C-alpha atoms as a PDB file:
ATOM      1  CA  ALA A   1      40.540  57.064  39.220  1.00  0.00           C
ATOM      2  CA  GLU A   2      42.033  53.608  38.605  1.00  0.00           C
ATOM      3  CA  GLY A   3      41.934  54.131  34.863  1.00  0.00           C
ATOM      4  CA  ALA A   4      43.825  57.393  35.234  1.00  0.00           C
ATOM      5  CA  ARG A   5      46.350  55.708  37.530  1.00  0.00           C
ATOM      6  CA  ARG A   6      46.971  53.053  34.893  1.00  0.00           C
ATOM      7  CA  GLY A   7      47.622  55.666  32.230  1.00  0.00           C
ATOM      8  CA  LEU A   8      44.451  55.399  30.180  1.00  0.00           C
ATOM      9  CA  GLY A   9      43.422  58.423  28.136  1.00  0.00           C
ATOM     10  CA  LEU A  10      39.824  57.431  27.503  1.00  0.00           C
ATOM     11  CA  LEU A  11      37.304  55.135  29.137  1.00  0.00           C
ATOM     12  CA  ALA A  12      33.887  54.119  27.832  1.00  0.00           C
ATOM     13  CA  VAL A  13      31.082  53.121  30.208  1.00  0.00           C
ATOM     14  CA  THR A  14      28.928  50.593  28.350  1.00  0.00           C
ATOM     15  CA  ASP A  15      26.501  48.698  30.545  1.00  0.00           C
ATOM     16  CA  HIS A  16      24.415  45.922  29.012  1.00  0.00           C
ATOM     17  CA  GLY A  17      21.126  46.792  27.352  1.00  0.00           C
ATOM     18  CA  PRO A  18      17.849  46.380  29.243  1.00  0.00           C
ATOM     19  CA  SER A  19      16.813  42.964  27.910  1.00  0.00           C
ATOM     20  CA  MET A  20      19.562  41.198  29.882  1.00  0.00           C
ATOM     21  CA  GLN A  21      18.585  39.952  33.319  1.00  0.00           C
ATOM     22  CA  GLY A  22      19.559  42.543  35.918  1.00  0.00           C
ATOM     23  CA  ALA A  23      20.580  45.213  33.394  1.00  0.00           C
ATOM     24  CA  PRO A  24      19.623  48.901  33.672  1.00  0.00           C
ATOM     25  CA  HIS A  25      16.245  50.021  32.357  1.00  0.00           C
ATOM     26  CA  ASP A  26      15.820  52.135  29.221  1.00  0.00           C
ATOM     27  CA  GLY A  27      15.828  55.379  31.195  1.00  0.00           C
ATOM     28  CA  TYR A  28      19.373  54.792  32.429  1.00  0.00           C
ATOM     29  CA  PHE A  29      20.641  55.174  28.876  1.00  0.00           C
ATOM     30  CA  THR A  30      18.993  58.587  28.463  1.00  0.00           C
ATOM     31  CA  MET A  31      21.545  60.114  30.854  1.00  0.00           C
ATOM     32  CA  ALA A  32      24.300  60.470  28.241  1.00  0.00           C
ATOM     33  CA  ALA A  33      23.964  64.242  27.903  1.00  0.00           C
ATOM     34  CA  ARG A  34      24.279  64.670  31.683  1.00  0.00           C
ATOM     35  CA  MET A  35      27.465  62.628  32.090  1.00  0.00           C
ATOM     36  CA  PRO A  36      30.626  64.660  32.800  1.00  0.00           C
ATOM     37  CA  ARG A  37      33.154  64.187  30.023  1.00  0.00           C
ATOM     38  CA  ARG A  38      36.188  64.268  32.293  1.00  0.00           C
ATOM     39  CA  TRP A  39      36.689  62.322  35.502  1.00  0.00           C
ATOM     40  CA  SER A  40      40.075  62.105  37.247  1.00  0.00           C
ATOM     41  CA  GLY A  41      41.786  63.354  34.096  1.00  0.00           C
ATOM     42  CA  LEU A  42      40.138  60.753  31.849  1.00  0.00           C
ATOM     43  CA  ILE A  43      37.887  61.480  28.915  1.00  0.00           C
ATOM     44  CA  VAL A  44      34.746  59.464  29.628  1.00  0.00           C
ATOM     45  CA  LEU A  45      32.308  58.236  26.988  1.00  0.00           C
ATOM     46  CA  PHE A  46      28.837  56.999  27.838  1.00  0.00           C
ATOM     47  CA  GLY A  47      27.340  54.227  25.746  1.00  0.00           C
ATOM     48  CA  CYS A  48      25.804  50.785  25.776  1.00  0.00           C
ATOM     49  CA  GLU A  49      26.623  47.162  25.086  1.00  0.00           C
ATOM     50  CA  ALA A  50      23.310  46.487  23.392  1.00  0.00           C
ATOM     51  CA  ASN A  51      21.954  42.972  23.176  1.00  0.00           C
ATOM     52  CA  VAL A  52      21.040  41.522  19.798  1.00  0.00           C
ATOM     53  CA  VAL A  53      17.677  39.947  20.541  1.00  0.00           C
ATOM     54  CA  SER A  54      16.789  38.205  17.279  1.00  0.00           C
ATOM     55  CA  PRO A  55      18.446  36.588  14.238  1.00  0.00           C
ATOM     56  CA  ASP A  56      17.310  39.672  12.301  1.00  0.00           C
ATOM     57  CA  GLY A  57      19.748  41.782  14.314  1.00  0.00           C
ATOM     58  CA  ASP A  58      17.169  43.678  16.374  1.00  0.00           C
ATOM     59  CA  LEU A  59      18.623  45.508  19.393  1.00  0.00           C
ATOM     60  CA  ASP A  60      17.083  46.071  22.813  1.00  0.00           C
ATOM     61  CA  LEU A  61      17.199  49.880  22.719  1.00  0.00           C
ATOM     62  CA  PRO A  62      15.263  52.107  20.300  1.00  0.00           C
ATOM     63  CA  ASP A  63      17.023  54.250  17.711  1.00  0.00           C
ATOM     64  CA  ALA A  64      15.926  57.373  19.592  1.00  0.00           C
ATOM     65  CA  ILE A  65      18.163  56.370  22.516  1.00  0.00           C
ATOM     66  CA  LEU A  66      20.967  54.747  20.526  1.00  0.00           C
ATOM     67  CA  SER A  67      21.413  57.940  18.528  1.00  0.00           C
ATOM     68  CA  THR A  68      22.231  59.915  21.701  1.00  0.00           C
ATOM     69  CA  LEU A  69      25.017  57.597  22.920  1.00  0.00           C
ATOM     70  CA  ASP A  70      28.728  58.194  22.375  1.00  0.00           C
ATOM     71  CA  VAL A  71      29.499  54.581  21.510  1.00  0.00           C
ATOM     72  CA  VAL A  72      27.295  51.545  20.861  1.00  0.00           C
ATOM     73  CA  GLY A  73      28.460  47.963  20.958  1.00  0.00           C
ATOM     74  CA  ALA A  74      26.167  45.109  19.988  1.00  0.00           C
ATOM     75  CA  GLY A  75      26.473  41.379  20.458  1.00  0.00           C
ATOM     76  CA  LEU A  76      24.981  38.017  21.314  1.00  0.00           C
ATOM     77  CA  HIS A  77      24.584  37.286  25.023  1.00  0.00           C
ATOM     78  CA  GLU A  78      23.135  34.748  27.392  1.00  0.00           C
ATOM     79  CA  ARG A  79      20.268  35.745  29.716  1.00  0.00           C
ATOM     80  CA  THR A  80      18.596  37.739  26.941  1.00  0.00           C
ATOM     81  CA  PRO A  81      15.696  36.951  24.587  1.00  0.00           C
ATOM     82  CA  TYR A  82      18.120  35.779  21.884  1.00  0.00           C
ATOM     83  CA  PRO A  83      17.683  32.015  21.291  1.00  0.00           C
ATOM     84  CA  VAL A  84      20.679  30.242  22.838  1.00  0.00           C
ATOM     85  CA  ALA A  85      20.367  27.277  20.463  1.00  0.00           C
ATOM     86  CA  ALA A  86      20.353  29.391  17.304  1.00  0.00           C
ATOM     87  CA  SER A  87      22.276  28.041  14.325  1.00  0.00           C
ATOM     88  CA  VAL A  88      25.541  29.353  12.905  1.00  0.00           C
ATOM     89  CA  VAL A  89      23.509  30.741  10.004  1.00  0.00           C
ATOM     90  CA  ASP A  90      21.173  32.653  12.328  1.00  0.00           C
ATOM     91  CA  ASN A  91      24.002  33.918  14.540  1.00  0.00           C
ATOM     92  CA  THR A  92      25.896  35.136  11.488  1.00  0.00           C
ATOM     93  CA  ARG A  93      22.810  36.798  10.045  1.00  0.00           C
ATOM     94  CA  ALA A  94      22.204  38.555  13.359  1.00  0.00           C
ATOM     95  CA  LEU A  95      25.703  40.041  13.542  1.00  0.00           C
ATOM     96  CA  VAL A  96      25.796  41.007   9.871  1.00  0.00           C
ATOM     97  CA  ALA A  97      22.512  42.865  10.390  1.00  0.00           C
ATOM     98  CA  ALA A  98      23.972  44.560  13.481  1.00  0.00           C
ATOM     99  CA  CYS A  99      26.936  45.701  11.367  1.00  0.00           C
ATOM    100  CA  GLU A 100      24.460  47.284   8.983  1.00  0.00           C
ATOM    101  CA  ASN A 101      22.775  49.242  11.808  1.00  0.00           C
ATOM    102  CA  ALA A 102      23.943  52.851  11.492  1.00  0.00           C
ATOM    103  CA  HIS A 103      23.982  53.277  15.288  1.00  0.00           C
ATOM    104  CA  VAL A 104      26.326  50.349  15.979  1.00  0.00           C
ATOM    105  CA  ASP A 105      30.018  51.173  16.281  1.00  0.00           C
ATOM    106  CA  ILE A 106      31.369  47.836  17.553  1.00  0.00           C
ATOM    107  CA  ILE A 107      30.427  44.158  17.373  1.00  0.00           C
ATOM    108  CA  VAL A 108      31.432  42.832  20.789  1.00  0.00           C
ATOM    109  CA  HIS A 109      33.230  39.469  21.235  1.00  0.00           C
ATOM    110  CA  PRO A 110      32.155  38.346  17.742  1.00  0.00           C
ATOM    111  CA  TYR A 111      33.166  34.707  18.142  1.00  0.00           C
ATOM    112  CA  ARG A 112      32.285  32.753  21.251  1.00  0.00           C
ATOM    113  CA  PRO A 113      31.597  28.994  21.431  1.00  0.00           C
ATOM    114  CA  GLN A 114      28.150  29.726  22.844  1.00  0.00           C
ATOM    115  CA  PHE A 115      27.265  31.646  19.671  1.00  0.00           C
ATOM    116  CA  PRO A 116      29.372  30.310  16.762  1.00  0.00           C
ATOM    117  CA  ILE A 117      29.414  32.375  13.589  1.00  0.00           C
ATOM    118  CA  ASP A 118      30.861  32.397  10.089  1.00  0.00           C
ATOM    119  CA  VAL A 119      33.790  34.703  10.843  1.00  0.00           C
ATOM    120  CA  ILE A 120      34.455  35.376   7.159  1.00  0.00           C
ATOM    121  CA  ALA A 121      30.969  36.759   6.569  1.00  0.00           C
ATOM    122  CA  VAL A 122      31.011  38.890   9.720  1.00  0.00           C
ATOM    123  CA  ALA A 123      34.502  40.253   9.058  1.00  0.00           C
ATOM    124  CA  GLU A 124      33.586  41.202   5.500  1.00  0.00           C
ATOM    125  CA  ALA A 125      30.361  42.877   6.676  1.00  0.00           C
ATOM    126  CA  ALA A 126      32.249  44.802   9.348  1.00  0.00           C
ATOM    127  CA  ALA A 127      34.851  46.037   6.877  1.00  0.00           C
ATOM    128  CA  MET A 128      32.187  47.034   4.364  1.00  0.00           C
ATOM    129  CA  THR A 129      30.157  49.017   6.919  1.00  0.00           C
ATOM    130  CA  GLY A 130      33.075  50.470   8.887  1.00  0.00           C
ATOM    131  CA  THR A 131      32.026  48.615  12.037  1.00  0.00           C
ATOM    132  CA  LEU A 132      34.768  47.658  14.490  1.00  0.00           C
ATOM    133  CA  LEU A 133      35.148  44.074  15.696  1.00  0.00           C
ATOM    134  CA  GLU A 134      36.102  43.723  19.340  1.00  0.00           C
ATOM    135  CA  ILE A 135      39.105  41.798  20.630  1.00  0.00           C
ATOM    136  CA  ASN A 136      37.900  41.164  24.159  1.00  0.00           C
ATOM    137  CA  ALA A 137      40.669  40.827  26.741  1.00  0.00           C
ATOM    138  CA  ALA A 138      38.389  39.001  29.178  1.00  0.00           C
ATOM    139  CA  LEU A 139      38.081  36.160  26.679  1.00  0.00           C
ATOM    140  CA  PHE A 140      41.794  35.815  26.032  1.00  0.00           C
ATOM    141  CA  ARG A 141      43.396  36.366  29.430  1.00  0.00           C
ATOM    142  CA  PRO A 142      42.302  32.899  30.654  1.00  0.00           C
ATOM    143  CA  LEU A 143      43.869  31.300  27.571  1.00  0.00           C
ATOM    144  CA  MET A 144      47.346  32.735  28.017  1.00  0.00           C
ATOM    145  CA  GLY A 145      49.861  30.011  28.794  1.00  0.00           C
ATOM    146  CA  LEU A 146      47.630  27.105  27.788  1.00  0.00           C
ATOM    147  CA  PRO A 147      49.347  24.308  25.818  1.00  0.00           C
ATOM    148  CA  ALA A 148      48.546  24.260  22.093  1.00  0.00           C
ATOM    149  CA  VAL A 149      46.635  27.498  22.532  1.00  0.00           C
ATOM    150  CA  THR A 150      46.719  28.227  18.798  1.00  0.00           C
ATOM    151  CA  ASN A 151      44.372  25.263  18.313  1.00  0.00           C
ATOM    152  CA  HIS A 152      41.840  26.618  20.799  1.00  0.00           C
ATOM    153  CA  GLU A 153      38.518  27.300  19.074  1.00  0.00           C
ATOM    154  CA  VAL A 154      38.257  30.963  20.083  1.00  0.00           C
ATOM    155  CA  VAL A 155      41.880  31.671  19.151  1.00  0.00           C
ATOM    156  CA  ARG A 156      41.621  29.850  15.823  1.00  0.00           C
ATOM    157  CA  GLU A 157      38.386  31.544  14.772  1.00  0.00           C
ATOM    158  CA  THR A 158      39.408  35.002  15.989  1.00  0.00           C
ATOM    159  CA  ARG A 159      42.746  34.772  14.194  1.00  0.00           C
ATOM    160  CA  HIS A 160      40.941  33.819  10.973  1.00  0.00           C
ATOM    161  CA  MET A 161      38.490  36.678  11.513  1.00  0.00           C
ATOM    162  CA  LEU A 162      41.350  39.162  11.878  1.00  0.00           C
ATOM    163  CA  GLN A 163      43.025  37.889   8.720  1.00  0.00           C
ATOM    164  CA  VAL A 164      39.847  38.466   6.718  1.00  0.00           C
ATOM    165  CA  LEU A 165      39.208  41.811   8.411  1.00  0.00           C
ATOM    166  CA  CYS A 166      42.724  43.003   7.574  1.00  0.00           C
ATOM    167  CA  ALA A 167      42.490  41.821   3.959  1.00  0.00           C
ATOM    168  CA  SER A 168      39.139  43.613   3.644  1.00  0.00           C
ATOM    169  CA  GLY A 169      40.448  46.907   5.026  1.00  0.00           C
ATOM    170  CA  GLY A 170      38.590  46.763   8.337  1.00  0.00           C
ATOM    171  CA  GLN A 171      39.630  47.589  11.885  1.00  0.00           C
ATOM    172  CA  CYS A 172      39.161  46.240  15.379  1.00  0.00           C
ATOM    173  CA  VAL A 173      39.017  47.628  18.898  1.00  0.00           C
ATOM    174  CA  VAL A 174      40.885  46.037  21.806  1.00  0.00           C
ATOM    175  CA  SER A 175      38.699  46.152  24.911  1.00  0.00           C
ATOM    176  CA  SER A 176      39.438  45.264  28.520  1.00  0.00           C
ATOM    177  CA  ASP A 177      35.728  44.433  29.048  1.00  0.00           C
ATOM    178  CA  SER A 178      36.355  45.490  32.646  1.00  0.00           C
ATOM    179  CA  HIS A 179      33.690  44.517  35.131  1.00  0.00           C
ATOM    180  CA  HIS A 180      35.764  45.890  38.017  1.00  0.00           C
ATOM    181  CA  ALA A 181      38.649  48.338  38.327  1.00  0.00           C
ATOM    182  CA  GLY A 182      41.291  45.634  38.570  1.00  0.00           C
ATOM    183  CA  GLU A 183      40.632  44.560  34.979  1.00  0.00           C
ATOM    184  CA  LEU A 184      41.346  47.957  33.425  1.00  0.00           C
ATOM    185  CA  GLY A 185      44.194  48.364  30.967  1.00  0.00           C
ATOM    186  CA  PHE A 186      46.389  46.014  28.974  1.00  0.00           C
ATOM    187  CA  GLU A 187      49.465  44.411  30.510  1.00  0.00           C
ATOM    188  CA  PRO A 188      52.506  43.650  28.291  1.00  0.00           C
ATOM    189  CA  LYS A 189      51.899  39.889  28.544  1.00  0.00           C
ATOM    190  CA  LEU A 190      48.415  40.313  27.087  1.00  0.00           C
ATOM    191  CA  ILE A 191      49.647  42.567  24.302  1.00  0.00           C
ATOM    192  CA  ARG A 192      52.286  39.985  23.339  1.00  0.00           C
ATOM    193  CA  PHE A 193      49.623  37.283  23.294  1.00  0.00           C
ATOM    194  CA  LEU A 194      47.344  39.307  21.032  1.00  0.00           C
ATOM    195  CA  THR A 195      50.106  40.236  18.597  1.00  0.00           C
ATOM    196  CA  GLU A 196      51.890  36.884  18.508  1.00  0.00           C
ATOM    197  CA  VAL A 197      49.134  34.302  18.985  1.00  0.00           C
ATOM    198  CA  LEU A 198      46.279  36.148  17.280  1.00  0.00           C
ATOM    199  CA  ALA A 199      48.627  37.818  14.777  1.00  0.00           C
ATOM    200  CA  LEU A 200      46.934  41.127  15.525  1.00  0.00           C
ATOM    201  CA  GLU A 201      48.535  43.921  13.515  1.00  0.00           C
ATOM    202  CA  PRO A 202      48.812  47.122  15.603  1.00  0.00           C
ATOM    203  CA  GLY A 203      47.713  49.171  12.596  1.00  0.00           C
ATOM    204  CA  MET A 204      44.309  47.481  12.726  1.00  0.00           C
ATOM    205  CA  VAL A 205      43.591  48.706  16.267  1.00  0.00           C
ATOM    206  CA  ALA A 206      41.362  51.771  16.156  1.00  0.00           C
ATOM    207  CA  ASN A 207      41.620  52.693  19.838  1.00  0.00           C
ATOM    208  CA  LYS A 208      45.396  53.023  20.209  1.00  0.00           C
ATOM    209  CA  ALA A 209      44.977  56.750  20.988  1.00  0.00           C
ATOM    210  CA  ALA A 210      42.083  58.635  22.552  1.00  0.00           C
ATOM    211  CA  THR A 211      42.077  61.491  20.036  1.00  0.00           C
ATOM    212  CA  GLY A 212      41.829  59.191  17.039  1.00  0.00           C
ATOM    213  CA  GLU A 213      38.963  57.266  18.539  1.00  0.00           C
ATOM    214  CA  LEU A 214      37.044  60.427  19.403  1.00  0.00           C
ATOM    215  CA  LYS A 215      37.387  61.606  15.811  1.00  0.00           C
ATOM    216  CA  ARG A 216      36.270  58.244  14.449  1.00  0.00           C
ATOM    217  CA  LEU A 217      33.235  58.160  16.741  1.00  0.00           C
ATOM    218  CA  ARG A 218      32.471  61.831  16.012  1.00  0.00           C
ATOM    219  CA  VAL A 219      32.118  62.571  19.730  1.00  0.00           C
ATOM    220  CA  ALA A 220      32.190  66.351  19.441  1.00  0.00           C
ATOM    221  CA  ARG A 221      31.401  67.124  23.075  1.00  0.00           C
ATOM    222  CA  ALA A 222      34.279  65.025  24.401  1.00  0.00           C
ATOM    223  CA  ALA A 223      36.688  66.073  21.674  1.00  0.00           C
ATOM    224  CA  GLN A 224      36.224  69.730  22.573  1.00  0.00           C
ATOM    225  CA  LEU A 225      37.359  69.187  26.185  1.00  0.00           C
END
């Protein structure tokens, strides 16, 4: 209801995969076919933010479940089996392998200080495989208004990642990463920050319109509503 009030056309429900502490069990993610595709006027997708659990890019849900979901994000997270002290080489290898997984649509928050990566390698892999790289609003909202923000590690690396992604013909998705209703949507101040500080080109954003994203994700059931 809050998403509809804020003018969203589409909302994706993507809880963390089962290997994270406190996350839903495998069976929760088998409910995709039973989810209504419209709530309060919104098109609703059901998916998962899967956890990469090894430097080889293994995910914490089997292909049999991933293949039934509308949208699958994958990324490196704390409180999962992934080694928190893994090297840049291992972190990069893990995300490149996730890009190469046919079930993965999005690499979530690709660069975080907790899990540093080679952004060039990941951006090139994403562009080559057609995988979207997420621009996560929850990471950037706290940085807005900071002095010398362009020198901040996350800003610097994400901006470089976007430059390589754009040059390689790839796309990104801008996500609210909402963990409660108050975080839904994108306020003008945030949009200005993303376009001016990150130099995000609007043409790179795959989820500007609900219909285009449904077509890209091949979500036939939702698209027919």
